């Protein structure tokens, strides 16, 4: 689920819709880019009992970063 709405942080109504959808779909992990504001993601995670995990697509060491991304996604989808 994308948190941004037209490239902007969601307003109150959009946050409610995102939270409702995340709950309906059983989402518990929100991936964010550290280069962007994480406040909306943190609010959503708190509302759904989830966690926010930063993934940096701009990391200097591409291979190490892809290994980190894969490990974080694996942890997120394992029961």
PDB file of N, CA and C in Angstrom:
ATOM      1  N   UNK A   1       0.852  -1.167   0.000  1.00  0.00           N
ATOM      2  CA  UNK A   1       0.000   0.000   0.000  1.00  0.00           C
ATOM      3  C   UNK A   1       0.899   1.231   0.000  1.00  0.00           C
ATOM      4  N   UNK A   2       0.660   2.120  -0.895  1.00  0.00           N
ATOM      5  CA  UNK A   2       1.412   3.372  -0.920  1.00  0.00           C
ATOM      6  C   UNK A   2       0.863   4.310   0.145  1.00  0.00           C
ATOM      7  N   UNK A   3       1.749   4.969   0.851  1.00  0.00           N
ATOM      8  CA  UNK A   3       1.319   5.907   1.877  1.00  0.00           C
ATOM      9  C   UNK A   3       1.163   7.305   1.295  1.00  0.00           C
ATOM     10  N   UNK A   4       2.035   7.671   0.369  1.00  0.00           N
ATOM     11  CA  UNK A   4       1.923   8.987  -0.250  1.00  0.00           C
ATOM     12  C   UNK A   4       0.698   9.052  -1.148  1.00  0.00           C
ATOM     13  N   UNK A   5       0.105  10.230  -1.211  1.00  0.00           N
ATOM     14  CA  UNK A   5      -1.031  10.473  -2.088  1.00  0.00           C
ATOM     15  C   UNK A   5      -0.611  11.578  -3.052  1.00  0.00           C
ATOM     16  N   UNK A   6      -0.460  11.235  -4.321  1.00  0.00           N
ATOM     17  CA  UNK A   6       0.009  12.184  -5.338  1.00  0.00           C
ATOM     18  C   UNK A   6       1.345  12.804  -4.943  1.00  0.00           C
ATOM     19  N   UNK A   7       2.234  11.992  -4.364  1.00  0.00           N
ATOM     20  CA  UNK A   7       3.563  12.453  -3.991  1.00  0.00           C
ATOM     21  C   UNK A   7       3.619  13.276  -2.720  1.00  0.00           C
ATOM     22  N   UNK A   8       2.525  13.349  -1.986  1.00  0.00           N
ATOM     23  CA  UNK A   8       2.477  14.136  -0.753  1.00  0.00           C
ATOM     24  C   UNK A   8       2.079  13.243   0.417  1.00  0.00           C
ATOM     25  N   UNK A   9       2.424  13.707   1.612  1.00  0.00           N
ATOM     26  CA  UNK A   9       2.015  12.977   2.817  1.00  0.00           C
ATOM     27  C   UNK A   9       0.491  12.959   2.884  1.00  0.00           C
ATOM     28  N   UNK A  10      -0.086  11.865   3.352  1.00  0.00           N
ATOM     29  CA  UNK A  10      -1.548  11.767   3.395  1.00  0.00           C
ATOM     30  C   UNK A  10      -2.158  12.677   4.453  1.00  0.00           C
ATOM     31  N   UNK A  11      -3.361  13.156   4.152  1.00  0.00           N
ATOM     32  CA  UNK A  11      -4.125  13.924   5.130  1.00  0.00           C
ATOM     33  C   UNK A  11      -4.844  12.974   6.070  1.00  0.00           C
ATOM     34  N   UNK A  12      -5.632  13.526   6.963  1.00  0.00           N
ATOM     35  CA  UNK A  12      -6.321  12.721   7.977  1.00  0.00           C
ATOM     36  C   UNK A  12      -7.236  11.672   7.356  1.00  0.00           C
ATOM     37  N   UNK A  13      -8.013  12.054   6.355  1.00  0.00           N
ATOM     38  CA  UNK A  13      -8.927  11.093   5.724  1.00  0.00           C
ATOM     39  C   UNK A  13      -8.174   9.974   5.020  1.00  0.00           C
ATOM     40  N   UNK A  14      -7.104  10.346   4.326  1.00  0.00           N
ATOM     41  CA  UNK A  14      -6.316   9.319   3.643  1.00  0.00           C
ATOM     42  C   UNK A  14      -5.662   8.377   4.650  1.00  0.00           C
ATOM     43  N   UNK A  15      -5.201   8.926   5.782  1.00  0.00           N
ATOM     44  CA  UNK A  15      -4.601   8.077   6.817  1.00  0.00           C
ATOM     45  C   UNK A  15      -5.603   7.045   7.319  1.00  0.00           C
ATOM     46  N   UNK A  16      -6.831   7.471   7.549  1.00  0.00           N
ATOM     47  CA  UNK A  16      -7.864   6.542   8.020  1.00  0.00           C
ATOM     48  C   UNK A  16      -8.080   5.442   6.991  1.00  0.00           C
ATOM     49  N   UNK A  17      -8.152   5.804   5.708  1.00  0.00           N
ATOM     50  CA  UNK A  17      -8.346   4.799   4.654  1.00  0.00           C
ATOM     51  C   UNK A  17      -7.168   3.830   4.581  1.00  0.00           C
ATOM     52  N   UNK A  18      -5.969   4.372   4.690  1.00  0.00           N
ATOM     53  CA  UNK A  18      -4.774   3.522   4.640  1.00  0.00           C
ATOM     54  C   UNK A  18      -4.761   2.565   5.830  1.00  0.00           C
ATOM     55  N   UNK A  19      -5.071   3.066   7.007  1.00  0.00           N
ATOM     56  CA  UNK A  19      -5.104   2.226   8.212  1.00  0.00           C
ATOM     57  C   UNK A  19      -6.162   1.142   8.077  1.00  0.00           C
ATOM     58  N   UNK A  20      -7.339   1.513   7.610  1.00  0.00           N
ATOM     59  CA  UNK A  20      -8.404   0.520   7.423  1.00  0.00           C
ATOM     60  C   UNK A  20      -7.981  -0.558   6.433  1.00  0.00           C
ATOM     61  N   UNK A  21      -7.364  -0.151   5.339  1.00  0.00           N
ATOM     62  CA  UNK A  21      -6.928  -1.126   4.331  1.00  0.00           C
ATOM     63  C   UNK A  21      -5.815  -2.018   4.878  1.00  0.00           C
ATOM     64  N   UNK A  22      -4.867  -1.418   5.587  1.00  0.00           N
ATOM     65  CA  UNK A  22      -3.775  -2.201   6.164  1.00  0.00           C
ATOM     66  C   UNK A  22      -4.314  -3.242   7.142  1.00  0.00           C
ATOM     67  N   UNK A  23      -5.275  -2.851   7.952  1.00  0.00           N
ATOM     68  CA  UNK A  23      -5.895  -3.805   8.886  1.00  0.00           C
ATOM     69  C   UNK A  23      -6.610  -4.914   8.129  1.00  0.00           C
ATOM     70  N   UNK A  24      -7.361  -4.538   7.095  1.00  0.00           N
ATOM     71  CA  UNK A  24      -8.118  -5.524   6.312  1.00  0.00           C
ATOM     72  C   UNK A  24      -7.197  -6.518   5.620  1.00  0.00           C
ATOM     73  N   UNK A  25      -6.020  -6.054   5.200  1.00  0.00           N
ATOM     74  CA  UNK A  25      -5.083  -6.918   4.481  1.00  0.00           C
ATOM     75  C   UNK A  25      -4.055  -7.576   5.402  1.00  0.00           C
ATOM     76  N   UNK A  26      -4.136  -7.303   6.697  1.00  0.00           N
ATOM     77  CA  UNK A  26      -3.220  -7.928   7.649  1.00  0.00           C
ATOM     78  C   UNK A  26      -1.789  -7.434   7.551  1.00  0.00           C
ATOM     79  N   UNK A  27      -1.606  -6.212   7.114  1.00  0.00           N
ATOM     80  CA  UNK A  27      -0.263  -5.650   6.967  1.00  0.00           C
ATOM     81  C   UNK A  27       0.289  -5.302   8.341  1.00  0.00           C
ATOM     82  N   UNK A  28       1.524  -5.705   8.597  1.00  0.00           N
ATOM     83  CA  UNK A  28       2.172  -5.438   9.878  1.00  0.00           C
ATOM     84  C   UNK A  28       3.539  -4.771   9.715  1.00  0.00           C
ATOM     85  N   UNK A  29       4.023  -4.663   8.479  1.00  0.00           N
ATOM     86  CA  UNK A  29       5.337  -4.076   8.228  1.00  0.00           C
ATOM     87  C   UNK A  29       5.187  -2.979   7.189  1.00  0.00           C
ATOM     88  N   UNK A  30       5.795  -1.832   7.467  1.00  0.00           N
ATOM     89  CA  UNK A  30       5.794  -0.725   6.528  1.00  0.00           C
ATOM     90  C   UNK A  30       7.243  -0.408   6.191  1.00  0.00           C
ATOM     91  N   UNK A  31       7.578  -0.528   4.917  1.00  0.00           N
ATOM     92  CA  UNK A  31       8.920  -0.198   4.455  1.00  0.00           C
ATOM     93  C   UNK A  31       8.952   1.266   4.040  1.00  0.00           C
ATOM     94  N   UNK A  32       9.999   1.974   4.455  1.00  0.00           N
ATOM     95  CA  UNK A  32      10.142   3.388   4.123  1.00  0.00           C
ATOM     96  C   UNK A  32      11.547   3.663   3.615  1.00  0.00           C
ATOM     97  N   UNK A  33      11.682   4.756   2.877  1.00  0.00           N
ATOM     98  CA  UNK A  33      12.994   5.226   2.460  1.00  0.00           C
ATOM     99  C   UNK A  33      13.459   6.246   3.487  1.00  0.00           C
ATOM    100  N   UNK A  34      14.683   6.124   3.996  1.00  0.00           N
ATOM    101  CA  UNK A  34      15.146   7.051   5.023  1.00  0.00           C
ATOM    102  C   UNK A  34      15.275   8.491   4.522  1.00  0.00           C
ATOM    103  N   UNK A  35      15.252   8.689   3.210  1.00  0.00           N
ATOM    104  CA  UNK A  35      15.372  10.033   2.648  1.00  0.00           C
ATOM    105  C   UNK A  35      14.073  10.833   2.773  1.00  0.00           C
ATOM    106  N   UNK A  36      12.983  10.190   3.170  1.00  0.00           N
ATOM    107  CA  UNK A  36      11.685  10.852   3.238  1.00  0.00           C
ATOM    108  C   UNK A  36      11.136  10.847   4.660  1.00  0.00           C
ATOM    109  N   UNK A  37      10.201  11.755   4.899  1.00  0.00           N
ATOM    110  CA  UNK A  37       9.548  11.879   6.198  1.00  0.00           C
ATOM    111  C   UNK A  37       8.828  10.569   6.547  1.00  0.00           C
ATOM    112  N   UNK A  38       9.071  10.069   7.739  1.00  0.00           N
ATOM    113  CA  UNK A  38       8.511   8.784   8.154  1.00  0.00           C
ATOM    114  C   UNK A  38       7.356   8.920   9.138  1.00  0.00           C
ATOM    115  N   UNK A  39       6.938  10.137   9.433  1.00  0.00           N
ATOM    116  CA  UNK A  39       5.908  10.330  10.461  1.00  0.00           C
ATOM    117  C   UNK A  39       4.590   9.635  10.127  1.00  0.00           C
ATOM    118  N   UNK A  40       4.133   9.726   8.883  1.00  0.00           N
ATOM    119  CA  UNK A  40       2.865   9.070   8.517  1.00  0.00           C
ATOM    120  C   UNK A  40       2.999   7.560   8.659  1.00  0.00           C
ATOM    121  N   UNK A  41       4.130   7.012   8.220  1.00  0.00           N
ATOM    122  CA  UNK A  41       4.350   5.568   8.336  1.00  0.00           C
ATOM    123  C   UNK A  41       4.357   5.142   9.798  1.00  0.00           C
ATOM    124  N   UNK A  42       4.972   5.947  10.658  1.00  0.00           N
ATOM    125  CA  UNK A  42       5.009   5.626  12.083  1.00  0.00           C
ATOM    126  C   UNK A  42       3.614   5.676  12.706  1.00  0.00           C
ATOM    127  N   UNK A  43       2.799   6.644  12.293  1.00  0.00           N
ATOM    128  CA  UNK A  43       1.420   6.724  12.800  1.00  0.00           C
ATOM    129  C   UNK A  43       0.614   5.501  12.375  1.00  0.00           C
ATOM    130  N   UNK A  44       0.772   5.123  11.117  1.00  0.00           N
ATOM    131  CA  UNK A  44       0.044   3.957  10.606  1.00  0.00           C
ATOM    132  C   UNK A  44       0.499   2.700  11.334  1.00  0.00           C
ATOM    133  N   UNK A  45       1.809   2.535  11.475  1.00  0.00           N
ATOM    134  CA  UNK A  45       2.338   1.357  12.166  1.00  0.00           C
ATOM    135  C   UNK A  45       1.803   1.276  13.592  1.00  0.00           C
ATOM    136  N   UNK A  46       1.748   2.404  14.277  1.00  0.00           N
ATOM    137  CA  UNK A  46       1.223   2.411  15.644  1.00  0.00           C
ATOM    138  C   UNK A  46      -0.250   2.005  15.662  1.00  0.00           C
ATOM    139  N   UNK A  47      -1.004   2.463  14.679  1.00  0.00           N
ATOM    140  CA  UNK A  47      -2.437   2.162  14.632  1.00  0.00           C
ATOM    141  C   UNK A  47      -2.727   0.703  14.312  1.00  0.00           C
ATOM    142  N   UNK A  48      -1.839   0.053  13.553  1.00  0.00           N
ATOM    143  CA  UNK A  48      -2.084  -1.338  13.150  1.00  0.00           C
ATOM    144  C   UNK A  48      -1.272  -2.334  13.971  1.00  0.00           C
ATOM    145  N   UNK A  49      -0.495  -1.827  14.928  1.00  0.00           N
ATOM    146  CA  UNK A  49       0.356  -2.717  15.710  1.00  0.00           C
ATOM    147  C   UNK A  49       1.512  -3.250  14.888  1.00  0.00           C
ATOM    148  N   UNK A  50       1.986  -2.442  13.965  1.00  0.00           N
ATOM    149  CA  UNK A  50       3.059  -2.864  13.067  1.00  0.00           C
ATOM    150  C   UNK A  50       4.378  -2.184  13.369  1.00  0.00           C
ATOM    151  N   UNK A  51       5.317  -2.358  12.463  1.00  0.00           N
ATOM    152  CA  UNK A  51       6.640  -1.759  12.597  1.00  0.00           C
ATOM    153  C   UNK A  51       7.011  -1.059  11.295  1.00  0.00           C
ATOM    154  N   UNK A  52       7.919  -0.092  11.419  1.00  0.00           N
ATOM    155  CA  UNK A  52       8.461   0.620  10.267  1.00  0.00           C
ATOM    156  C   UNK A  52       9.894   0.148  10.069  1.00  0.00           C
ATOM    157  N   UNK A  53      10.211  -0.269   8.847  1.00  0.00           N
ATOM    158  CA  UNK A  53      11.558  -0.731   8.529  1.00  0.00           C
ATOM    159  C   UNK A  53      12.102   0.113   7.383  1.00  0.00           C
ATOM    160  N   UNK A  54      13.214   0.835   7.619  1.00  0.00           N
ATOM    161  CA  UNK A  54      13.794   1.628   6.540  1.00  0.00           C
ATOM    162  C   UNK A  54      14.598   0.756   5.576  1.00  0.00           C
ATOM    163  N   UNK A  55      14.405   1.009   4.292  1.00  0.00           N
ATOM    164  CA  UNK A  55      15.188   0.377   3.234  1.00  0.00           C
ATOM    165  C   UNK A  55      15.731   1.499   2.367  1.00  0.00           C
ATOM    166  N   UNK A  56      17.037   1.541   2.184  1.00  0.00           N
ATOM    167  CA  UNK A  56      17.665   2.654   1.475  1.00  0.00           C
ATOM    168  C   UNK A  56      18.013   2.283   0.038  1.00  0.00           C
ATOM    169  N   UNK A  57      17.222   2.733  -0.938  1.00  0.00           N
ATOM    170  CA  UNK A  57      17.523   2.411  -2.330  1.00  0.00           C
ATOM    171  C   UNK A  57      18.732   3.176  -2.860  1.00  0.00           C
ATOM    172  N   UNK A  58      19.232   4.131  -2.090  1.00  0.00           N
ATOM    173  CA  UNK A  58      20.358   4.947  -2.535  1.00  0.00           C
ATOM    174  C   UNK A  58      21.656   4.602  -1.810  1.00  0.00           C
ATOM    175  N   UNK A  59      21.695   3.474  -1.140  1.00  0.00           N
ATOM    176  CA  UNK A  59      22.898   3.081  -0.402  1.00  0.00           C
ATOM    177  C   UNK A  59      24.095   2.976  -1.340  1.00  0.00           C
ATOM    178  N   UNK A  60      25.262   3.300  -0.818  1.00  0.00           N
ATOM    179  CA  UNK A  60      26.476   3.329  -1.629  1.00  0.00           C
ATOM    180  C   UNK A  60      26.848   1.949  -2.163  1.00  0.00           C
ATOM    181  N   UNK A  61      26.827   0.936  -1.307  1.00  0.00           N
ATOM    182  CA  UNK A  61      27.216  -0.422  -1.708  1.00  0.00           C
ATOM    183  C   UNK A  61      25.973  -1.173  -2.183  1.00  0.00           C
ATOM    184  N   UNK A  62      25.771  -1.206  -3.483  1.00  0.00           N
ATOM    185  CA  UNK A  62      24.554  -1.766  -4.073  1.00  0.00           C
ATOM    186  C   UNK A  62      24.333  -3.226  -3.681  1.00  0.00           C
ATOM    187  N   UNK A  63      25.360  -4.055  -3.806  1.00  0.00           N
ATOM    188  CA  UNK A  63      25.215  -5.492  -3.528  1.00  0.00           C
ATOM    189  C   UNK A  63      24.866  -5.721  -2.056  1.00  0.00           C
ATOM    190  N   UNK A  64      25.600  -5.091  -1.162  1.00  0.00           N
ATOM    191  CA  UNK A  64      25.308  -5.244   0.269  1.00  0.00           C
ATOM    192  C   UNK A  64      23.903  -4.731   0.582  1.00  0.00           C
ATOM    193  N   UNK A  65      23.515  -3.647  -0.059  1.00  0.00           N
ATOM    194  CA  UNK A  65      22.181  -3.100   0.169  1.00  0.00           C
ATOM    195  C   UNK A  65      21.105  -4.069  -0.308  1.00  0.00           C
ATOM    196  N   UNK A  66      21.286  -4.684  -1.460  1.00  0.00           N
ATOM    197  CA  UNK A  66      20.292  -5.638  -1.957  1.00  0.00           C
ATOM    198  C   UNK A  66      20.185  -6.843  -1.027  1.00  0.00           C
ATOM    199  N   UNK A  67      21.307  -7.259  -0.447  1.00  0.00           N
ATOM    200  CA  UNK A  67      21.273  -8.353   0.524  1.00  0.00           C
ATOM    201  C   UNK A  67      20.489  -7.932   1.772  1.00  0.00           C
ATOM    202  N   UNK A  68      20.689  -6.698   2.211  1.00  0.00           N
ATOM    203  CA  UNK A  68      19.953  -6.175   3.360  1.00  0.00           C
ATOM    204  C   UNK A  68      18.462  -6.094   3.053  1.00  0.00           C
ATOM    205  N   UNK A  69      18.122  -5.570   1.879  1.00  0.00           N
ATOM    206  CA  UNK A  69      16.718  -5.462   1.475  1.00  0.00           C
ATOM    207  C   UNK A  69      16.074  -6.845   1.449  1.00  0.00           C
ATOM    208  N   UNK A  70      16.758  -7.812   0.834  1.00  0.00           N
ATOM    209  CA  UNK A  70      16.214  -9.172   0.752  1.00  0.00           C
ATOM    210  C   UNK A  70      16.010  -9.762   2.146  1.00  0.00           C
ATOM    211  N   UNK A  71      16.965  -9.555   3.038  1.00  0.00           N
ATOM    212  CA  UNK A  71      16.852 -10.093   4.398  1.00  0.00           C
ATOM    213  C   UNK A  71      15.685  -9.452   5.148  1.00  0.00           C
ATOM    214  N   UNK A  72      15.509  -8.145   5.008  1.00  0.00           N
ATOM    215  CA  UNK A  72      14.411  -7.455   5.698  1.00  0.00           C
ATOM    216  C   UNK A  72      13.056  -7.896   5.157  1.00  0.00           C
ATOM    217  N   UNK A  73      12.953  -8.053   3.851  1.00  0.00           N
ATOM    218  CA  UNK A  73      11.692  -8.513   3.263  1.00  0.00           C
ATOM    219  C   UNK A  73      11.415  -9.947   3.687  1.00  0.00           C
ATOM    220  N   UNK A  74      12.444 -10.791   3.696  1.00  0.00           N
ATOM    221  CA  UNK A  74      12.276 -12.180   4.128  1.00  0.00           C
ATOM    222  C   UNK A  74      11.756 -12.229   5.562  1.00  0.00           C
ATOM    223  N   UNK A  75      12.353 -11.433   6.452  1.00  0.00           N
ATOM    224  CA  UNK A  75      11.897 -11.407   7.847  1.00  0.00           C
ATOM    225  C   UNK A  75      10.446 -10.940   7.949  1.00  0.00           C
ATOM    226  N   UNK A  76      10.079  -9.996   7.092  1.00  0.00           N
ATOM    227  CA  UNK A  76       8.726  -9.436   7.147  1.00  0.00           C
ATOM    228  C   UNK A  76       7.661 -10.425   6.697  1.00  0.00           C
ATOM    229  N   UNK A  77       8.000 -11.323   5.770  1.00  0.00           N
ATOM    230  CA  UNK A  77       6.973 -12.227   5.244  1.00  0.00           C
ATOM    231  C   UNK A  77       6.971 -13.595   5.907  1.00  0.00           C
ATOM    232  N   UNK A  78       8.002 -13.885   6.695  1.00  0.00           N
ATOM    233  CA  UNK A  78       8.019 -15.170   7.394  1.00  0.00           C
ATOM    234  C   UNK A  78       7.037 -15.129   8.558  1.00  0.00           C
ATOM    235  N   UNK A  79       6.347 -16.239   8.786  1.00  0.00           N
ATOM    236  CA  UNK A  79       5.388 -16.266   9.908  1.00  0.00           C
ATOM    237  C   UNK A  79       6.066 -16.207  11.258  1.00  0.00           C
TER     238      UNK A  79
END
